[in-house]
Amino acid sequence: MMLLALHIVAIGSVVGVTAYIAYYLGKKDGLNYAEKEQGKNGNIKISAEFEKK
């Protein structure tokens, strides 16, 4: 029974650490994605102004 409890705690720890790392990387990538979107929108505005001329 003690071995089962130890495995449950170990597996929970691994899942928790993996989820934390995935959240951290996703959060960082999400910030980069927002910056990329702003850059894309800026390019669209520039090309739209160019077409108007």
Protein backbone atom coordinates (compact mmCIF):
# COMPACT_ATOMS: atom_id res chain seq x y z
CA MET A 1 0.00 0.00 0.00
CA MET A 2 2.88 2.34 0.80
CA LEU A 3 4.40 1.63 -2.62
CA LEU A 4 1.12 2.52 -4.33
CA ALA A 5 0.94 5.82 -2.45
CA LEU A 6 4.54 6.59 -3.37
CA HIS A 7 3.82 5.96 -7.05
CA ILE A 8 0.73 8.18 -6.96
CA VAL A 9 2.71 11.02 -5.41
CA ALA A 10 5.59 10.58 -7.88
CA ILE A 11 3.28 10.52 -10.91
CA GLY A 12 1.41 13.57 -9.61
CA SER A 13 4.69 15.42 -9.18
CA VAL A 14 5.81 14.61 -12.72
CA VAL A 15 2.46 15.71 -14.15
CA GLY A 16 2.56 18.92 -12.11
CA VAL A 17 6.08 19.85 -13.21
CA THR A 18 5.24 19.06 -16.84
CA ALA A 19 2.09 21.19 -16.68
CA TYR A 20 4.03 24.08 -15.12
CA ILE A 21 6.68 23.95 -17.86
CA ALA A 22 4.04 23.75 -20.60
CA TYR A 23 2.14 26.70 -19.10
CA TYR A 24 5.33 28.76 -18.85
CA LEU A 25 6.32 28.04 -22.46
CA GLY A 26 2.79 28.67 -23.70
CA LYS A 27 2.59 31.96 -21.84
CA LYS A 28 5.90 33.09 -23.29
CA ASP A 29 4.87 32.01 -26.79
CA GLY A 30 1.53 33.73 -26.36
CA LEU A 31 3.27 37.04 -25.69
CA ASN A 32 5.39 36.56 -28.81
CA TYR A 33 2.25 35.74 -30.78
CA ALA A 34 0.60 39.00 -29.71
CA GLU A 35 3.66 40.95 -30.84
CA LYS A 36 3.67 39.11 -34.17
CA GLU A 37 0.00 39.93 -34.69
CA GLN A 38 0.66 43.61 -34.10
CA GLY A 39 3.42 43.48 -36.69
CA LYS A 40 1.13 41.79 -39.20
CA ASN A 41 -1.58 44.38 -38.65
CA GLY A 42 0.94 47.15 -39.15
CA ASN A 43 2.00 45.62 -42.45
CA ILE A 44 -1.61 45.34 -43.55
CA LYS A 45 -2.21 49.02 -42.76
CA ILE A 46 0.91 50.04 -44.70
CA SER A 47 -0.08 47.97 -47.74
CA ALA A 48 -3.65 49.33 -47.61
CA GLU A 49 -2.33 52.90 -47.58
CA PHE A 50 -0.01 52.05 -50.47
CA GLU A 51 -2.92 50.71 -52.54
CA LYS A 52 -4.95 53.88 -51.92
CA LYS A 53 -2.25 56.06 -53.51
